[in-house]
Structure formats: C-alpha cells, structure tokens
Amino acid sequence: MPTFEIPDGPATVELKRTGDAKNPGPATGSIVFNVTNKSSDACDGRLGVVVSGDSKEAWFSVEGDRERTFAAGETQTATINVSAPPGTAAGNYPFRLRAVAVNDPDNDHAEGPVATAQVPGSAPVAKGSRMWLWILIGVIVLLLIIVALWFAFRSKPEPAPIEVAKPAEAAKPAAPVAQAACPLTGTWRGSDGGVYDIMEAGSSVSWNGRYPAPGGWAHRFSGTRNGDTIEGRWADYQGNTGRGTLTIHVDSPTHLTRVGSSGSGFGGTSWMRRGCP
C-alpha cells in the first residue's frame, strides 16, 4: 500500500484574471490539500502536479519545498498555485496533486482526487470602444434575415419522392458504439501501486487487482458499465480482509478515477495505462 494518502479535498479553484482588456494578465488562484504519511516511520516525500485534458503542467506549482520530510502519521498541507497565461480560453482544466516516496518513487506514490481550475471569461471591454463592431454585427444579421425571407418566398420546388428502404438495408446492423472502439480490457497501474488486469465484455467489467511484492494483497472486482460510469463490488482474497462497493468514472480510454466507495480497506483512487491495446 502507498505510504502517502491525499484524502478528498477542494474540487475547484476559481481563477481571477489580472490586468484589463487592453493589457490582459494571467488568470491566477491557489488551492490547498492535505497529505498524510500513513506509515509508522518518517518518510521523505516529493510533491508534484499531474495534469489532464487541456491543462498545461507549466501553469501549476507547489508553494514552498516540493521535497519535504513527513514524520510518522503526520499530515501536512500542500498549496498549489495556478497561473493560466493571457489568452487561455475560459473553461475547466483538471489536475491532481501527486505525492511520491523519495526512497521508492516508481512503486510508492499516491494521487489526490481530480480538481479543476476554472478560468473565467475575458475582461469586459470599455463601453463605446467597440460600437462599430456591434453596428457591423447588426448589418450582417439584417442581411441574413433578408436572404432568409427571399428563399422562404421563392416558388417551392416539387417534393422529392419518398424512397422506401429495401429489406436488406433495413436489416443492416447498427454501427458499433464508441465504447467498443477502445475497450478497457488490459493491464492497468493503480495509484495504490497495484497491478490491475481489467476485462470488459459488453456492459460487464471485472478485474483482478494485486500488489506484486512479498506479503502483498490481492482482490477481485465485478461490476457493470453504463456510459462513463462503472459500479460494482470488490473483496480481498489475499493479505487483507476488506470488501465494499466502488463507483468509477471513465475519464478516457487510458485513465479511470474513483468517484465513490463504501466499505473499508480500498486505497486506490485512480488507474492508468499507456494506451489502447
């Protein structure tokens, strides 16, 4: 199990634009997470940010020391500063806080819940400075209305004959849904350091999760996928005795996120793989 834990924290950070319409500045803000050392020994941890979607890694920075020492059971706060450059389109940009054990960075790491940086719209333009633009838009709209009326009152052409579908065409099977283009079947890596062999067949999704190390754990999951949501139950069969339910969101064909759970003992919050098989 990973040394560090990043529990559920703030879901969004609302950025504020600086400057004005003539001299726009970046959109900035900050968000604070808690990071806990769950082990009984002190551990050096390295903090970073994992981005997804249209987010850019250069927008995010950890305030203070990125690498710090956590005492046994200690919880520290981590402040993430966000600065989206001028010209960034308004919208939501997802990211996660990541904590890595310095002594075993490849196997001992954890990611926090998905948070979004909300970039607002552009600063308003001073009154009167764009009056000519509104006049031009009005003229264009008026011309479009005139053209539409001209077409509406033209002599109507004869209606095209209705084509009856042939039996062979009517029996043609529907195109496969987008979900089947890249199934989740394959080997995934969990934020808890585990290896997950996922199998998707129709609407059924199951996996065998294991921590490949001496004294490691193993469990099985069985659930149903509906669109981008997977719901099901899990139970340990090696190492631990936990069990419960999971609700998982399919962010993309290469990334899954836990959005709900019950029971105890399940440490994973996200899963990743390199690409579609």
Protein backbone atom coordinates (compact mmCIF):
# COMPACT_ATOMS: atom_id res chain seq x y z
CA MET A 1 0.00 0.00 0.00
CA PRO A 2 1.25 3.55 -0.68
CA THR A 3 2.94 5.45 2.16
CA PHE A 4 1.08 8.70 1.49
CA GLU A 5 -2.63 9.48 1.34
CA ILE A 6 -4.30 12.56 -0.16
CA PRO A 7 -7.93 12.50 1.04
CA ASP A 8 -10.80 14.22 -0.71
CA GLY A 9 -10.19 17.97 -0.77
CA PRO A 10 -11.42 21.06 -2.63
CA ALA A 11 -12.93 20.19 -6.00
CA THR A 12 -12.34 23.53 -7.76
CA VAL A 13 -10.23 26.66 -7.67
CA GLU A 14 -11.76 29.75 -9.30
CA LEU A 15 -9.05 31.74 -11.04
CA LYS A 16 -9.23 35.52 -11.37
CA ARG A 17 -7.93 37.40 -14.39
CA THR A 18 -5.48 40.23 -13.82
CA GLY A 19 -4.94 43.36 -15.93
CA ASP A 20 -7.64 44.77 -18.22
CA ALA A 21 -8.92 44.37 -21.79
CA LYS A 22 -6.00 46.30 -23.30
CA ASN A 23 -3.30 44.78 -21.11
CA PRO A 24 -4.57 41.34 -20.02
CA GLY A 25 -2.63 39.41 -17.39
CA PRO A 26 -2.72 35.76 -16.34
CA ALA A 27 -5.62 34.12 -14.51
CA THR A 28 -4.37 33.13 -11.04
CA GLY A 29 -5.50 31.32 -7.90
CA SER A 30 -4.46 28.70 -5.34
CA ILE A 31 -5.85 25.55 -3.70
CA VAL A 32 -4.79 23.65 -0.54
CA PHE A 33 -4.68 19.85 0.00
CA ASN A 34 -3.77 17.67 2.99
CA VAL A 35 -1.06 14.99 2.60
CA THR A 36 -0.71 12.29 5.30
CA ASN A 37 2.14 9.86 5.98
CA LYS A 38 0.24 6.66 6.84
CA SER A 39 3.35 4.67 7.81
CA SER A 40 4.82 4.25 11.29
CA ASP A 41 8.18 5.69 10.15
CA ALA A 42 9.29 9.12 8.97
CA CYS A 43 9.45 9.37 5.17
CA ASP A 44 10.74 11.91 2.64
CA GLY A 45 8.04 12.81 0.10
CA ARG A 46 8.14 14.71 -3.18
CA LEU A 47 5.05 16.68 -4.24
CA GLY A 48 4.03 17.39 -7.83
CA VAL A 49 1.04 18.02 -10.07
CA VAL A 50 -0.39 15.63 -12.68
CA VAL A 51 -2.44 17.35 -15.43
CA SER A 52 -5.02 16.00 -17.87
CA GLY A 53 -7.29 17.32 -20.62
CA ASP A 54 -6.19 20.75 -21.91
CA SER A 55 -4.33 21.66 -18.71
CA LYS A 56 -0.62 22.54 -19.00
CA GLU A 57 1.95 21.43 -16.43
CA ALA A 58 3.67 24.85 -16.57
CA TRP A 59 0.55 26.51 -15.07
CA PHE A 60 0.88 24.69 -11.73
CA SER A 61 3.49 24.99 -8.98
CA VAL A 62 3.83 23.71 -5.40
CA GLU A 63 4.31 26.51 -2.88
CA GLY A 64 7.39 26.08 -0.70
CA ASP A 65 9.53 22.93 -0.70
CA ARG A 66 8.38 20.27 -3.15
CA GLU A 67 10.50 17.69 -1.30
CA ARG A 68 9.89 17.53 2.44
CA THR A 69 10.09 15.13 5.42
CA PHE A 70 6.89 13.71 6.91
CA ALA A 71 7.00 12.35 10.46
CA ALA A 72 5.21 9.07 11.19
CA GLY A 73 1.45 9.68 10.88
CA GLU A 74 1.99 13.39 10.17
CA THR A 75 -0.37 15.44 7.96
CA GLN A 76 0.99 18.46 6.10
CA THR A 77 -0.75 20.97 3.83
CA ALA A 78 0.30 21.45 0.22
CA THR A 79 -0.65 24.68 -1.57
CA ILE A 80 -0.88 24.53 -5.38
CA ASN A 81 -0.57 27.88 -7.14
CA VAL A 82 -2.19 28.17 -10.58
CA SER A 83 -1.35 30.77 -13.24
CA ALA A 84 -3.01 30.37 -16.67
CA PRO A 85 -1.39 32.73 -19.24
CA PRO A 86 -3.28 35.54 -21.03
CA GLY A 87 -5.34 34.21 -23.92
CA THR A 88 -6.30 30.96 -22.14
CA ALA A 89 -9.87 30.09 -23.12
CA ALA A 90 -12.49 30.13 -20.39
CA GLY A 91 -13.31 26.66 -19.05
CA ASN A 92 -12.41 23.94 -16.54
CA TYR A 93 -8.87 22.49 -16.52
CA PRO A 94 -8.37 19.25 -14.50
CA PHE A 95 -5.34 18.33 -12.38
CA ARG A 96 -4.28 16.19 -9.38
CA LEU A 97 -1.79 16.54 -6.54
CA ARG A 98 0.74 13.66 -6.53
CA ALA A 99 2.88 12.52 -3.55
CA VAL A 100 5.87 10.22 -4.19
CA ALA A 101 8.08 8.43 -1.65
CA VAL A 102 11.65 9.57 -2.42
CA ASN A 103 13.13 6.18 -1.49
CA ASP A 104 10.86 4.25 -3.91
CA PRO A 105 9.39 6.67 -6.49
CA ASP A 106 8.46 4.00 -9.06
CA ASN A 107 6.31 1.91 -6.74
CA ASP A 108 5.30 4.09 -3.77
CA HIS A 109 3.13 7.02 -4.82
CA ALA A 110 -0.42 8.34 -4.43
CA GLU A 111 -2.64 10.82 -6.26
CA GLY A 112 -5.36 13.02 -4.84
CA PRO A 113 -8.88 13.49 -6.24
CA VAL A 114 -9.43 15.32 -9.52
CA ALA A 115 -9.67 19.10 -9.04
CA THR A 116 -10.40 21.72 -11.69
CA ALA A 117 -9.00 25.18 -12.27
CA GLN A 118 -11.87 27.38 -13.51
CA VAL A 119 -10.64 30.04 -15.95
CA PRO A 120 -13.20 32.89 -16.28
CA GLY A 121 -14.14 34.70 -19.48
CA SER A 122 -12.17 37.67 -20.80
CA ALA A 123 -12.31 41.01 -19.03
CA PRO A 124 -15.09 43.27 -20.40
CA VAL A 125 -14.18 45.90 -22.97
CA ALA A 126 -14.77 49.52 -22.04
CA LYS A 127 -18.12 50.96 -23.22
CA GLY A 128 -18.10 52.67 -26.60
CA SER A 129 -14.71 51.27 -27.68
CA ARG A 130 -16.33 48.57 -29.83
CA MET A 131 -19.52 50.32 -31.00
CA TRP A 132 -18.52 49.85 -34.63
CA LEU A 133 -18.37 46.09 -34.06
CA TRP A 134 -21.96 45.98 -32.83
CA ILE A 135 -23.09 48.07 -35.82
CA LEU A 136 -21.34 45.64 -38.19
CA ILE A 137 -22.96 42.65 -36.46
CA GLY A 138 -26.38 44.33 -36.77
CA VAL A 139 -25.91 44.92 -40.52
CA ILE A 140 -24.85 41.28 -41.04
CA VAL A 141 -27.86 39.97 -39.09
CA LEU A 142 -30.20 42.20 -41.14
CA LEU A 143 -28.73 40.90 -44.42
CA LEU A 144 -29.14 37.29 -43.23
CA ILE A 145 -32.81 37.94 -42.42
CA ILE A 146 -33.40 39.44 -45.89
CA VAL A 147 -31.75 36.47 -47.60
CA ALA A 148 -33.77 34.01 -45.47
CA LEU A 149 -37.05 35.76 -46.38
CA TRP A 150 -36.13 35.72 -50.07
CA PHE A 151 -35.57 31.98 -50.02
CA ALA A 152 -38.76 31.44 -47.97
CA PHE A 153 -41.00 33.18 -50.51
CA ARG A 154 -39.47 31.66 -53.63
CA SER A 155 -41.59 29.18 -55.56
CA LYS A 156 -41.36 25.89 -53.74
CA PRO A 157 -39.86 23.01 -55.76
CA GLU A 158 -41.69 19.75 -56.20
CA PRO A 159 -41.13 17.49 -53.19
CA ALA A 160 -38.65 14.69 -53.75
CA PRO A 161 -40.15 11.21 -53.93
CA ILE A 162 -40.01 9.23 -50.70
CA GLU A 163 -37.53 6.40 -51.03
CA VAL A 164 -38.65 3.21 -49.36
CA ALA A 165 -35.83 1.34 -47.66
CA LYS A 166 -35.09 -2.07 -49.11
CA PRO A 167 -35.46 -5.05 -46.79
CA ALA A 168 -31.75 -5.76 -46.94
CA GLU A 169 -30.94 -2.19 -45.88
CA ALA A 170 -33.47 -2.26 -43.05
CA ALA A 171 -31.82 -5.38 -41.68
CA LYS A 172 -28.37 -3.82 -41.70
CA PRO A 173 -26.90 -3.96 -38.15
CA ALA A 174 -26.32 -0.72 -36.27
CA ALA A 175 -22.81 0.69 -36.18
CA PRO A 176 -20.81 -0.34 -33.10
CA VAL A 177 -20.93 2.10 -30.22
CA ALA A 178 -17.85 4.21 -29.48
CA GLN A 179 -17.27 2.27 -26.26
CA ALA A 180 -16.22 -0.82 -28.21
CA ALA A 181 -13.61 1.11 -30.24
CA CYS A 182 -11.21 1.01 -27.30
CA PRO A 183 -12.31 -1.41 -24.55
CA LEU A 184 -10.88 -1.21 -21.06
CA THR A 185 -9.52 -4.76 -21.32
CA GLY A 186 -5.80 -4.77 -20.48
CA THR A 187 -3.27 -4.26 -17.70
CA TRP A 188 -3.59 -1.03 -15.66
CA ARG A 189 -1.48 0.54 -12.91
CA GLY A 190 -3.28 1.83 -9.81
CA SER A 191 -2.38 4.82 -7.65
CA ASP A 192 -2.03 2.33 -4.78
CA GLY A 193 0.91 0.64 -6.57
CA GLY A 194 -1.19 -2.36 -7.57
CA VAL A 195 -1.40 -4.11 -10.95
CA TYR A 196 -4.96 -4.46 -12.29
CA ASP A 197 -5.87 -6.95 -15.04
CA ILE A 198 -9.18 -5.49 -16.31
CA MET A 199 -11.66 -7.37 -18.51
CA GLU A 200 -14.58 -5.62 -20.28
CA ALA A 201 -17.22 -7.71 -22.06
CA GLY A 202 -20.40 -5.93 -23.13
CA SER A 203 -21.58 -3.96 -20.12
CA SER A 204 -19.69 -6.18 -17.64
CA VAL A 205 -16.38 -5.01 -16.16
CA SER A 206 -14.25 -7.12 -13.81
CA TRP A 207 -10.66 -7.18 -12.63
CA ASN A 208 -8.09 -8.99 -10.54
CA GLY A 209 -6.02 -6.50 -8.54
CA ARG A 210 -2.76 -7.46 -6.83
CA TYR A 211 0.28 -5.89 -5.19
CA PRO A 212 3.23 -7.89 -6.63
CA ALA A 213 5.52 -7.95 -3.59
CA PRO A 214 6.20 -10.30 -0.66
CA GLY A 215 3.28 -10.07 1.74
CA GLY A 216 1.23 -8.20 -0.90
CA TRP A 217 -2.54 -8.09 -1.23
CA ALA A 218 -5.00 -9.27 -3.86
CA HIS A 219 -8.69 -8.70 -4.50
CA ARG A 220 -11.38 -9.18 -7.16
CA PHE A 221 -13.94 -6.71 -8.55
CA SER A 222 -17.13 -7.29 -10.56
CA GLY A 223 -19.38 -4.53 -11.87
CA THR A 224 -21.43 -3.03 -14.70
CA ARG A 225 -20.58 -0.15 -17.01
CA ASN A 226 -23.23 2.40 -18.00
CA GLY A 227 -21.74 5.04 -20.31
CA ASP A 228 -18.72 6.54 -18.48
CA THR A 229 -19.72 5.14 -15.07
CA ILE A 230 -18.77 1.73 -13.62
CA GLU A 231 -20.43 0.42 -10.43
CA GLY A 232 -19.71 -2.85 -8.66
CA ARG A 233 -18.39 -4.74 -5.61
CA TRP A 234 -14.89 -5.85 -4.55
CA ALA A 235 -13.47 -8.23 -1.95
CA ASP A 236 -9.94 -9.14 -0.78
CA TYR A 237 -8.79 -12.74 -1.04
CA GLN A 238 -5.12 -12.33 -0.02
CA GLY A 239 -3.31 -10.21 2.55
CA ASN A 240 -6.29 -8.06 3.68
CA THR A 241 -9.93 -8.74 4.62
CA GLY A 242 -11.62 -5.66 3.18
CA ARG A 243 -14.69 -5.54 0.95
CA GLY A 244 -17.21 -2.98 -0.29
CA THR A 245 -18.55 -1.12 -3.32
CA LEU A 246 -16.89 1.18 -5.87
CA THR A 247 -18.13 3.82 -8.31
CA ILE A 248 -15.59 4.62 -11.04
CA HIS A 249 -15.58 7.28 -13.78
CA VAL A 250 -14.02 6.53 -17.18
CA ASP A 251 -12.08 9.78 -17.82
CA SER A 252 -10.58 8.43 -21.06
CA PRO A 253 -9.53 5.07 -22.59
CA THR A 254 -6.30 5.40 -20.57
CA HIS A 255 -7.44 6.90 -17.25
CA LEU A 256 -10.03 5.91 -14.59
CA THR A 257 -10.96 7.77 -11.39
CA ARG A 258 -12.72 6.54 -8.24
CA VAL A 259 -15.68 8.87 -7.53
CA GLY A 260 -17.46 6.89 -4.81
CA SER A 261 -16.99 3.93 -2.47
CA SER A 262 -18.20 2.13 0.64
CA GLY A 263 -16.67 -0.47 2.93
CA SER A 264 -13.06 -0.35 4.10
CA GLY A 265 -9.53 -1.15 3.05
CA PHE A 266 -9.53 0.05 -0.58
CA GLY A 267 -6.68 2.52 -1.18
CA GLY A 268 -6.66 3.12 -4.94
CA THR A 269 -8.08 6.41 -6.28
CA SER A 270 -7.08 6.25 -9.95
CA TRP A 271 -5.81 3.87 -12.64
CA MET A 272 -3.67 4.49 -15.76
CA ARG A 273 -2.36 2.62 -18.79
CA ARG A 274 -0.14 3.69 -21.69
CA GLY A 275 -2.72 3.43 -24.49
CA CYS A 276 -5.41 1.35 -26.19
CA PRO A 277 -4.43 -2.26 -26.94
